[in-house]
C-alpha cells in the first residue's frame, strides 16, 4: 500500500486527525494550514506539515512522518530534513515532530545525538497497531486504524465508517472525499475483493463519483473498443491505424491482434 500518499490525503481531508493522535483537541486543526513544502536541498516532502496561522506564533509547526517499513536511518533523515526546513524558511514558530509507525517494532529508536529533543519533549511517537478501536472514535481515527486493521475485520469496519460518514459529514464534498479515501484504502489493502463486493458497500450515487468507479468505467469502455480490433484487422487496417482511430493504447491493440492471430484456426 502506498501509505505515504494515503496519509497525505487523510491529513489533507481531515487535518484534525493529527491532533487527535497526539492527544490534543481536534479543534486545534482550525488554527493550522496543512501544506506540502519541498526541502530543496534534498528534494523531499514531509508526509504532513502543519503550519499555524501567522497571527499565533506561540503554536508550533508540526512535522509528521509516517513509516511502514524498517528504516534504520529514520531519525537521522527526519531531523536533518526538519533542520534544513528551519534554515530554509526561518519561521518564528517553535516545532514539534510526530513519528507515526505502523507498529512499535519499526521504531529504530532515537539516536543519542538527538537526546535533547527527547528531553524537551519535541517529538511524539504514535504506533498505529496500538490505537484502541472503539465505536466512539472519530471518522478520521477510524480511517487511520483501517490502514493497519486485520483483513478479517477490515470490511466490517469500513461499512461502519461509511455509515458514520453519511450520518456525520454535512459537507457533501468532504463526505465524498472521505468515501473515496475509504474506497482507496480498501482496494490497496484487500486486493482480493471483487468489484461486486466493493460496489455493495456504496450507494450508486456515491460510487459514480469515486475514482475507482471512474477507472472501472473507463476500463469497460476501452475493453468495448478492443472487441472491435479483430474485425478492423480483417478490414485491412494496421495496428497503428486502429489505435489512432479508437483512441486507445497501441500496445493494447497489438496484444489483441496477436491473440487474434494465435486463435485463428490453421487451414
C-alpha atoms as a PDB file:
ATOM      1  CA  UNK A   1       0.000   0.000   0.000  1.00  0.00           C
ATOM      2  CA  UNK A   2       1.271   3.489  -0.828  1.00  0.00           C
ATOM      3  CA  UNK A   3       0.829   4.673   2.740  1.00  0.00           C
ATOM      4  CA  UNK A   4       2.628   7.991   2.280  1.00  0.00           C
ATOM      5  CA  UNK A   5       0.116   9.041  -0.390  1.00  0.00           C
ATOM      6  CA  UNK A   6      -2.847   7.783   1.632  1.00  0.00           C
ATOM      7  CA  UNK A   7      -1.767   9.569   4.807  1.00  0.00           C
ATOM      8  CA  UNK A   8      -1.117  12.770   2.886  1.00  0.00           C
ATOM      9  CA  UNK A   9      -4.702  12.597   1.597  1.00  0.00           C
ATOM     10  CA  UNK A  10      -6.023  11.761   5.064  1.00  0.00           C
ATOM     11  CA  UNK A  11      -4.309  14.776   6.628  1.00  0.00           C
ATOM     12  CA  UNK A  12      -5.421  16.996   3.761  1.00  0.00           C
ATOM     13  CA  UNK A  13      -9.065  15.910   4.034  1.00  0.00           C
ATOM     14  CA  UNK A  14      -9.315  15.656   7.846  1.00  0.00           C
ATOM     15  CA  UNK A  15      -6.445  17.646   9.414  1.00  0.00           C
ATOM     16  CA  UNK A  16      -7.968  17.063  12.858  1.00  0.00           C
ATOM     17  CA  UNK A  17      -6.571  13.508  12.684  1.00  0.00           C
ATOM     18  CA  UNK A  18      -3.093  14.693  13.688  1.00  0.00           C
ATOM     19  CA  UNK A  19      -4.295  16.487  16.801  1.00  0.00           C
ATOM     20  CA  UNK A  20      -6.434  13.542  17.885  1.00  0.00           C
ATOM     21  CA  UNK A  21      -3.420  11.241  17.502  1.00  0.00           C
ATOM     22  CA  UNK A  22      -1.217  13.396  19.733  1.00  0.00           C
ATOM     23  CA  UNK A  23      -3.919  13.868  22.357  1.00  0.00           C
ATOM     24  CA  UNK A  24      -4.905  17.461  21.602  1.00  0.00           C
ATOM     25  CA  UNK A  25      -8.382  18.852  20.848  1.00  0.00           C
ATOM     26  CA  UNK A  26      -9.447  18.214  17.252  1.00  0.00           C
ATOM     27  CA  UNK A  27     -10.487  21.863  17.068  1.00  0.00           C
ATOM     28  CA  UNK A  28      -6.823  22.915  17.073  1.00  0.00           C
ATOM     29  CA  UNK A  29      -6.752  21.928  13.402  1.00  0.00           C
ATOM     30  CA  UNK A  30      -8.700  25.120  12.714  1.00  0.00           C
ATOM     31  CA  UNK A  31      -5.589  27.120  13.675  1.00  0.00           C
ATOM     32  CA  UNK A  32      -3.438  25.364  11.090  1.00  0.00           C
ATOM     33  CA  UNK A  33      -2.947  25.081   7.368  1.00  0.00           C
ATOM     34  CA  UNK A  34      -1.934  21.660   6.089  1.00  0.00           C
ATOM     35  CA  UNK A  35       0.521  22.090   3.261  1.00  0.00           C
ATOM     36  CA  UNK A  36       3.284  20.499   1.217  1.00  0.00           C
ATOM     37  CA  UNK A  37       6.648  22.217   1.210  1.00  0.00           C
ATOM     38  CA  UNK A  38       9.665  20.881  -0.627  1.00  0.00           C
ATOM     39  CA  UNK A  39      13.061  20.782   1.035  1.00  0.00           C
ATOM     40  CA  UNK A  40      15.104  21.933  -1.944  1.00  0.00           C
ATOM     41  CA  UNK A  41      18.488  20.573  -0.912  1.00  0.00           C
ATOM     42  CA  UNK A  42      17.078  17.063  -0.509  1.00  0.00           C
ATOM     43  CA  UNK A  43      14.112  17.187  -2.898  1.00  0.00           C
ATOM     44  CA  UNK A  44      11.998  15.782  -0.059  1.00  0.00           C
ATOM     45  CA  UNK A  45       8.423  16.377   1.085  1.00  0.00           C
ATOM     46  CA  UNK A  46       7.109  15.646   4.570  1.00  0.00           C
ATOM     47  CA  UNK A  47       4.152  13.284   4.880  1.00  0.00           C
ATOM     48  CA  UNK A  48       2.482  16.001   6.887  1.00  0.00           C
ATOM     49  CA  UNK A  49       3.364  19.633   7.543  1.00  0.00           C
ATOM     50  CA  UNK A  50       1.016  21.687   9.698  1.00  0.00           C
ATOM     51  CA  UNK A  51       1.794  25.412   9.721  1.00  0.00           C
ATOM     52  CA  UNK A  52      -0.078  27.594  12.233  1.00  0.00           C
ATOM     53  CA  UNK A  53      -1.718  30.868  11.392  1.00  0.00           C
ATOM     54  CA  UNK A  54       0.863  33.647  11.271  1.00  0.00           C
ATOM     55  CA  UNK A  55      -1.071  35.533  13.957  1.00  0.00           C
ATOM     56  CA  UNK A  56      -0.461  32.824  16.568  1.00  0.00           C
ATOM     57  CA  UNK A  57       3.348  32.394  16.734  1.00  0.00           C
ATOM     58  CA  UNK A  58       3.068  30.540  20.046  1.00  0.00           C
ATOM     59  CA  UNK A  59       1.668  27.497  18.204  1.00  0.00           C
ATOM     60  CA  UNK A  60       4.354  25.052  16.968  1.00  0.00           C
ATOM     61  CA  UNK A  61       4.876  23.813  13.432  1.00  0.00           C
ATOM     62  CA  UNK A  62       4.134  20.086  13.271  1.00  0.00           C
ATOM     63  CA  UNK A  63       6.368  17.887  11.101  1.00  0.00           C
ATOM     64  CA  UNK A  64       4.784  14.481  10.542  1.00  0.00           C
ATOM     65  CA  UNK A  65       6.449  11.403   9.100  1.00  0.00           C
ATOM     66  CA  UNK A  66       4.768   8.016   8.575  1.00  0.00           C
ATOM     67  CA  UNK A  67       6.799   4.797   8.415  1.00  0.00           C
ATOM     68  CA  UNK A  68       5.511   1.349   7.435  1.00  0.00           C
ATOM     69  CA  UNK A  69       8.820  -0.336   6.578  1.00  0.00           C
ATOM     70  CA  UNK A  70      12.052  -0.893   8.576  1.00  0.00           C
ATOM     71  CA  UNK A  71      14.344   2.107   8.193  1.00  0.00           C
ATOM     72  CA  UNK A  72      17.424   2.332  10.388  1.00  0.00           C
ATOM     73  CA  UNK A  73      18.203   5.940   9.458  1.00  0.00           C
ATOM     74  CA  UNK A  74      14.618   7.159  10.006  1.00  0.00           C
ATOM     75  CA  UNK A  75      15.504   9.738  12.694  1.00  0.00           C
ATOM     76  CA  UNK A  76      18.759  10.804  11.068  1.00  0.00           C
ATOM     77  CA  UNK A  77      16.786  11.773   7.947  1.00  0.00           C
ATOM     78  CA  UNK A  78      13.759  13.192   9.764  1.00  0.00           C
ATOM     79  CA  UNK A  79      15.700  15.600  11.965  1.00  0.00           C
ATOM     80  CA  UNK A  80      18.083  16.557   9.157  1.00  0.00           C
ATOM     81  CA  UNK A  81      15.115  17.476   6.969  1.00  0.00           C
ATOM     82  CA  UNK A  82      13.467  19.415   9.788  1.00  0.00           C
ATOM     83  CA  UNK A  83      16.572  21.498  10.412  1.00  0.00           C
ATOM     84  CA  UNK A  84      17.095  22.078   6.690  1.00  0.00           C
ATOM     85  CA  UNK A  85      13.498  23.355   6.548  1.00  0.00           C
ATOM     86  CA  UNK A  86      14.062  25.634   9.552  1.00  0.00           C
ATOM     87  CA  UNK A  87      17.172  27.066   7.921  1.00  0.00           C
ATOM     88  CA  UNK A  88      15.455  27.466   4.559  1.00  0.00           C
ATOM     89  CA  UNK A  89      12.247  29.158   5.792  1.00  0.00           C
ATOM     90  CA  UNK A  90      13.388  30.548   9.176  1.00  0.00           C
ATOM     91  CA  UNK A  91       9.911  30.552  10.784  1.00  0.00           C
ATOM     92  CA  UNK A  92       9.170  32.359  14.038  1.00  0.00           C
ATOM     93  CA  UNK A  93       7.386  29.320  15.469  1.00  0.00           C
ATOM     94  CA  UNK A  94       8.854  26.503  17.511  1.00  0.00           C
ATOM     95  CA  UNK A  95       8.458  22.985  16.090  1.00  0.00           C
ATOM     96  CA  UNK A  96       7.247  19.548  17.120  1.00  0.00           C
ATOM     97  CA  UNK A  97       7.959  16.259  15.324  1.00  0.00           C
ATOM     98  CA  UNK A  98       5.402  13.436  15.121  1.00  0.00           C
ATOM     99  CA  UNK A  99       6.714   9.980  14.143  1.00  0.00           C
ATOM    100  CA  UNK A 100       3.941   7.572  13.131  1.00  0.00           C
ATOM    101  CA  UNK A 101       4.832   3.884  12.830  1.00  0.00           C
ATOM    102  CA  UNK A 102       2.628   1.006  11.688  1.00  0.00           C
ATOM    103  CA  UNK A 103       3.892  -0.886  14.748  1.00  0.00           C
ATOM    104  CA  UNK A 104       6.349  -0.336  17.599  1.00  0.00           C
ATOM    105  CA  UNK A 105       8.917  -2.816  16.239  1.00  0.00           C
ATOM    106  CA  UNK A 106       9.543  -0.499  13.251  1.00  0.00           C
ATOM    107  CA  UNK A 107      10.771   2.285  15.529  1.00  0.00           C
ATOM    108  CA  UNK A 108      14.612   2.140  15.363  1.00  0.00           C
ATOM    109  CA  UNK A 109      14.966   4.382  18.429  1.00  0.00           C
ATOM    110  CA  UNK A 110      16.193   7.969  18.572  1.00  0.00           C
ATOM    111  CA  UNK A 111      19.984   8.265  18.406  1.00  0.00           C
ATOM    112  CA  UNK A 112      21.800   9.716  21.417  1.00  0.00           C
ATOM    113  CA  UNK A 113      22.775  12.812  19.423  1.00  0.00           C
ATOM    114  CA  UNK A 114      19.113  13.872  19.496  1.00  0.00           C
ATOM    115  CA  UNK A 115      18.501  13.155  23.179  1.00  0.00           C
ATOM    116  CA  UNK A 116      17.949  16.878  23.738  1.00  0.00           C
ATOM    117  CA  UNK A 117      14.817  16.718  21.571  1.00  0.00           C
ATOM    118  CA  UNK A 118      13.565  13.817  23.676  1.00  0.00           C
ATOM    119  CA  UNK A 119      14.248  15.691  26.895  1.00  0.00           C
ATOM    120  CA  UNK A 120      12.432  18.773  25.608  1.00  0.00           C
ATOM    121  CA  UNK A 121       9.503  16.561  24.545  1.00  0.00           C
ATOM    122  CA  UNK A 122       9.636  17.894  20.997  1.00  0.00           C
ATOM    123  CA  UNK A 123       8.773  14.553  19.470  1.00  0.00           C
ATOM    124  CA  UNK A 124       5.678  12.368  19.809  1.00  0.00           C
ATOM    125  CA  UNK A 125       5.625   8.681  18.861  1.00  0.00           C
ATOM    126  CA  UNK A 126       2.480   7.005  17.509  1.00  0.00           C
ATOM    127  CA  UNK A 127       2.140   3.233  16.981  1.00  0.00           C
ATOM    128  CA  UNK A 128      -0.934   2.584  14.882  1.00  0.00           C
ATOM    129  CA  UNK A 129      -1.371  -1.066  15.859  1.00  0.00           C
ATOM    130  CA  UNK A 130      -1.724   0.023  19.495  1.00  0.00           C
ATOM    131  CA  UNK A 131      -4.549   2.501  18.894  1.00  0.00           C
ATOM    132  CA  UNK A 132      -7.750   1.405  20.576  1.00  0.00           C
ATOM    133  CA  UNK A 133     -10.595   0.757  18.119  1.00  0.00           C
ATOM    134  CA  UNK A 134     -13.936   1.823  19.603  1.00  0.00           C
ATOM    135  CA  UNK A 135     -17.288   2.852  18.176  1.00  0.00           C
ATOM    136  CA  UNK A 136     -16.754   6.304  19.712  1.00  0.00           C
ATOM    137  CA  UNK A 137     -13.672   7.051  17.605  1.00  0.00           C
ATOM    138  CA  UNK A 138     -13.913   9.840  15.070  1.00  0.00           C
ATOM    139  CA  UNK A 139     -14.131   9.077  11.363  1.00  0.00           C
ATOM    140  CA  UNK A 140     -10.541  10.271  10.944  1.00  0.00           C
ATOM    141  CA  UNK A 141      -9.110   7.978  13.615  1.00  0.00           C
ATOM    142  CA  UNK A 142     -11.211   5.141  12.278  1.00  0.00           C
ATOM    143  CA  UNK A 143      -9.676   5.596   8.823  1.00  0.00           C
ATOM    144  CA  UNK A 144      -6.159   5.607  10.277  1.00  0.00           C
ATOM    145  CA  UNK A 145      -6.924   2.388  12.147  1.00  0.00           C
ATOM    146  CA  UNK A 146      -8.346   0.845   8.974  1.00  0.00           C
ATOM    147  CA  UNK A 147      -4.947   1.162   7.275  1.00  0.00           C
ATOM    148  CA  UNK A 148      -3.398  -1.306   9.746  1.00  0.00           C
ATOM    149  CA  UNK A 149      -6.508  -3.343  10.526  1.00  0.00           C
ATOM    150  CA  UNK A 150      -6.580  -7.115  10.096  1.00  0.00           C
ATOM    151  CA  UNK A 151      -8.173  -8.222   6.845  1.00  0.00           C
ATOM    152  CA  UNK A 152     -10.862 -10.295   8.575  1.00  0.00           C
ATOM    153  CA  UNK A 153     -12.332  -7.221  10.311  1.00  0.00           C
ATOM    154  CA  UNK A 154     -11.471  -4.520   7.750  1.00  0.00           C
ATOM    155  CA  UNK A 155     -14.656  -4.916   5.690  1.00  0.00           C
ATOM    156  CA  UNK A 156     -16.996  -4.593   8.693  1.00  0.00           C
ATOM    157  CA  UNK A 157     -15.020  -1.603   9.944  1.00  0.00           C
ATOM    158  CA  UNK A 158     -15.249   0.026   6.505  1.00  0.00           C
ATOM    159  CA  UNK A 159     -19.030  -0.424   6.462  1.00  0.00           C
ATOM    160  CA  UNK A 160     -19.246   1.267   9.880  1.00  0.00           C
ATOM    161  CA  UNK A 161     -17.124   4.191   8.690  1.00  0.00           C
ATOM    162  CA  UNK A 162     -19.210   4.603   5.533  1.00  0.00           C
ATOM    163  CA  UNK A 163     -22.385   4.730   7.622  1.00  0.00           C
ATOM    164  CA  UNK A 164     -20.805   7.166  10.071  1.00  0.00           C
ATOM    165  CA  UNK A 165     -19.687   9.408   7.184  1.00  0.00           C
ATOM    166  CA  UNK A 166     -23.235   9.548   5.823  1.00  0.00           C
ATOM    167  CA  UNK A 167     -24.590  10.492   9.241  1.00  0.00           C
ATOM    168  CA  UNK A 168     -21.962  12.961  10.467  1.00  0.00           C
ATOM    169  CA  UNK A 169     -20.468  14.766   7.468  1.00  0.00           C
ATOM    170  CA  UNK A 170     -22.810  17.516   6.359  1.00  0.00           C
ATOM    171  CA  UNK A 171     -20.428  18.921   3.757  1.00  0.00           C
ATOM    172  CA  UNK A 172     -21.143  16.867   0.617  1.00  0.00           C
ATOM    173  CA  UNK A 173     -17.709  17.423  -0.943  1.00  0.00           C
ATOM    174  CA  UNK A 174     -15.879  16.357   2.246  1.00  0.00           C
ATOM    175  CA  UNK A 175     -18.154  13.341   2.620  1.00  0.00           C
ATOM    176  CA  UNK A 176     -17.416  12.271  -0.953  1.00  0.00           C
ATOM    177  CA  UNK A 177     -13.672  12.706  -0.395  1.00  0.00           C
ATOM    178  CA  UNK A 178     -13.831  10.559   2.736  1.00  0.00           C
ATOM    179  CA  UNK A 179     -15.778   7.854   0.892  1.00  0.00           C
ATOM    180  CA  UNK A 180     -13.229   7.921  -1.913  1.00  0.00           C
ATOM    181  CA  UNK A 181     -10.387   7.544   0.585  1.00  0.00           C
ATOM    182  CA  UNK A 182     -12.155   4.601   2.225  1.00  0.00           C
ATOM    183  CA  UNK A 183     -12.504   3.004  -1.171  1.00  0.00           C
ATOM    184  CA  UNK A 184      -8.811   3.620  -1.930  1.00  0.00           C
ATOM    185  CA  UNK A 185      -7.715   2.032   1.355  1.00  0.00           C
ATOM    186  CA  UNK A 186      -9.932  -0.975   0.672  1.00  0.00           C
ATOM    187  CA  UNK A 187      -8.620  -1.512  -2.856  1.00  0.00           C
ATOM    188  CA  UNK A 188      -4.977  -1.318  -1.750  1.00  0.00           C
ATOM    189  CA  UNK A 189      -5.462  -3.272   1.452  1.00  0.00           C
ATOM    190  CA  UNK A 190      -7.765  -6.021   0.170  1.00  0.00           C
ATOM    191  CA  UNK A 191      -6.680  -6.616  -3.392  1.00  0.00           C
ATOM    192  CA  UNK A 192      -8.636  -9.897  -3.458  1.00  0.00           C
ATOM    193  CA  UNK A 193     -12.002  -8.125  -3.143  1.00  0.00           C
ATOM    194  CA  UNK A 194     -14.182  -8.436  -6.210  1.00  0.00           C
ATOM    195  CA  UNK A 195     -15.671  -5.419  -7.935  1.00  0.00           C
ATOM    196  CA  UNK A 196     -19.120  -6.527  -6.766  1.00  0.00           C
ATOM    197  CA  UNK A 197     -18.013  -6.693  -3.106  1.00  0.00           C
ATOM    198  CA  UNK A 198     -16.670  -3.142  -3.230  1.00  0.00           C
ATOM    199  CA  UNK A 199     -19.710  -1.797  -5.075  1.00  0.00           C
ATOM    200  CA  UNK A 200     -22.030  -3.382  -2.487  1.00  0.00           C
ATOM    201  CA  UNK A 201     -20.669  -1.080   0.234  1.00  0.00           C
ATOM    202  CA  UNK A 202     -21.613   2.158  -1.533  1.00  0.00           C
ATOM    203  CA  UNK A 203     -24.799   3.589  -2.979  1.00  0.00           C
ATOM    204  CA  UNK A 204     -24.821   4.035  -6.755  1.00  0.00           C
ATOM    205  CA  UNK A 205     -24.605   7.845  -6.487  1.00  0.00           C
ATOM    206  CA  UNK A 206     -21.616   7.602  -4.143  1.00  0.00           C
ATOM    207  CA  UNK A 207     -19.883   5.048  -6.316  1.00  0.00           C
ATOM    208  CA  UNK A 208     -20.326   7.024  -9.523  1.00  0.00           C
ATOM    209  CA  UNK A 209     -18.246   9.851  -8.074  1.00  0.00           C
ATOM    210  CA  UNK A 210     -15.340   7.751  -6.826  1.00  0.00           C
ATOM    211  CA  UNK A 211     -12.068   7.292  -8.669  1.00  0.00           C
ATOM    212  CA  UNK A 212     -12.494   3.513  -8.557  1.00  0.00           C
ATOM    213  CA  UNK A 213     -15.821   3.680 -10.397  1.00  0.00           C
ATOM    214  CA  UNK A 214     -14.427   6.096 -12.977  1.00  0.00           C
ATOM    215  CA  UNK A 215     -11.451   3.808 -13.598  1.00  0.00           C
ATOM    216  CA  UNK A 216     -13.691   0.740 -13.889  1.00  0.00           C
ATOM    217  CA  UNK A 217     -15.990   2.589 -16.284  1.00  0.00           C
ATOM    218  CA  UNK A 218     -13.022   3.698 -18.373  1.00  0.00           C
ATOM    219  CA  UNK A 219     -11.639   0.141 -18.433  1.00  0.00           C
ATOM    220  CA  UNK A 220     -15.006  -1.152 -19.598  1.00  0.00           C
ATOM    221  CA  UNK A 221     -15.101   1.479 -22.335  1.00  0.00           C
ATOM    222  CA  UNK A 222     -11.628   0.520 -23.539  1.00  0.00           C
ATOM    223  CA  UNK A 223     -12.489  -3.197 -23.430  1.00  0.00           C
ATOM    224  CA  UNK A 224     -15.533  -2.492 -25.579  1.00  0.00           C
ATOM    225  CA  UNK A 225     -13.393  -0.722 -28.152  1.00  0.00           C
ATOM    226  CA  UNK A 226     -10.815  -3.506 -28.182  1.00  0.00           C
ATOM    227  CA  UNK A 227     -13.515  -6.039 -29.039  1.00  0.00           C
ATOM    228  CA  UNK A 228     -13.698  -4.437 -32.496  1.00  0.00           C
ATOM    229  CA  UNK A 229      -9.972  -4.926 -33.209  1.00  0.00           C
ATOM    230  CA  UNK A 230     -10.229  -8.371 -34.925  1.00  0.00           C
ATOM    231  CA  UNK A 231     -12.906  -7.054 -37.306  1.00  0.00           C
ATOM    232  CA  UNK A 232     -10.878  -3.936 -38.124  1.00  0.00           C
ATOM    233  CA  UNK A 233      -7.827  -6.080 -38.787  1.00  0.00           C
ATOM    234  CA  UNK A 234      -9.852  -8.172 -41.222  1.00  0.00           C
ATOM    235  CA  UNK A 235     -10.879  -4.968 -42.974  1.00  0.00           C
ATOM    236  CA  UNK A 236      -7.203  -4.256 -43.615  1.00  0.00           C
ATOM    237  CA  UNK A 237      -6.404  -1.581 -41.011  1.00  0.00           C
ATOM    238  CA  UNK A 238      -2.981  -1.635 -39.386  1.00  0.00           C
ATOM    239  CA  UNK A 239      -2.437  -1.778 -35.618  1.00  0.00           C
ATOM    240  CA  UNK A 240      -1.310   1.851 -35.680  1.00  0.00           C
ATOM    241  CA  UNK A 241      -4.423   2.968 -37.578  1.00  0.00           C
ATOM    242  CA  UNK A 242      -6.732   1.081 -35.218  1.00  0.00           C
ATOM    243  CA  UNK A 243      -5.106   2.570 -32.116  1.00  0.00           C
ATOM    244  CA  UNK A 244      -5.321   6.084 -33.542  1.00  0.00           C
ATOM    245  CA  UNK A 245      -8.966   5.745 -34.593  1.00  0.00           C
ATOM    246  CA  UNK A 246     -10.142   4.100 -31.380  1.00  0.00           C
ATOM    247  CA  UNK A 247      -8.080   6.388 -29.159  1.00  0.00           C
ATOM    248  CA  UNK A 248      -6.540   3.525 -27.174  1.00  0.00           C
ATOM    249  CA  UNK A 249      -3.003   2.475 -26.347  1.00  0.00           C
ATOM    250  CA  UNK A 250      -1.199   0.879 -29.288  1.00  0.00           C
ATOM    251  CA  UNK A 251       0.248  -1.887 -27.084  1.00  0.00           C
ATOM    252  CA  UNK A 252      -3.264  -2.924 -26.022  1.00  0.00           C
ATOM    253  CA  UNK A 253      -4.286  -3.151 -29.680  1.00  0.00           C
ATOM    254  CA  UNK A 254      -1.142  -5.111 -30.532  1.00  0.00           C
ATOM    255  CA  UNK A 255      -1.854  -7.673 -27.785  1.00  0.00           C
ATOM    256  CA  UNK A 256      -5.404  -8.207 -29.046  1.00  0.00           C
ATOM    257  CA  UNK A 257      -4.082  -8.516 -32.592  1.00  0.00           C
ATOM    258  CA  UNK A 258      -1.527 -11.140 -31.536  1.00  0.00           C
ATOM    259  CA  UNK A 259      -4.166 -13.087 -29.603  1.00  0.00           C
ATOM    260  CA  UNK A 260      -6.483 -12.926 -32.585  1.00  0.00           C
ATOM    261  CA  UNK A 261      -3.801 -14.334 -34.878  1.00  0.00           C
ATOM    262  CA  UNK A 262      -2.975 -17.157 -32.447  1.00  0.00           C
ATOM    263  CA  UNK A 263      -6.620 -18.114 -32.085  1.00  0.00           C
ATOM    264  CA  UNK A 264      -7.236 -18.219 -35.855  1.00  0.00           C
ATOM    265  CA  UNK A 265      -7.544 -21.904 -36.821  1.00  0.00           C
ATOM    266  CA  UNK A 266      -4.957 -23.092 -39.336  1.00  0.00           C
ATOM    267  CA  UNK A 267      -6.278 -24.451 -42.625  1.00  0.00           C
END
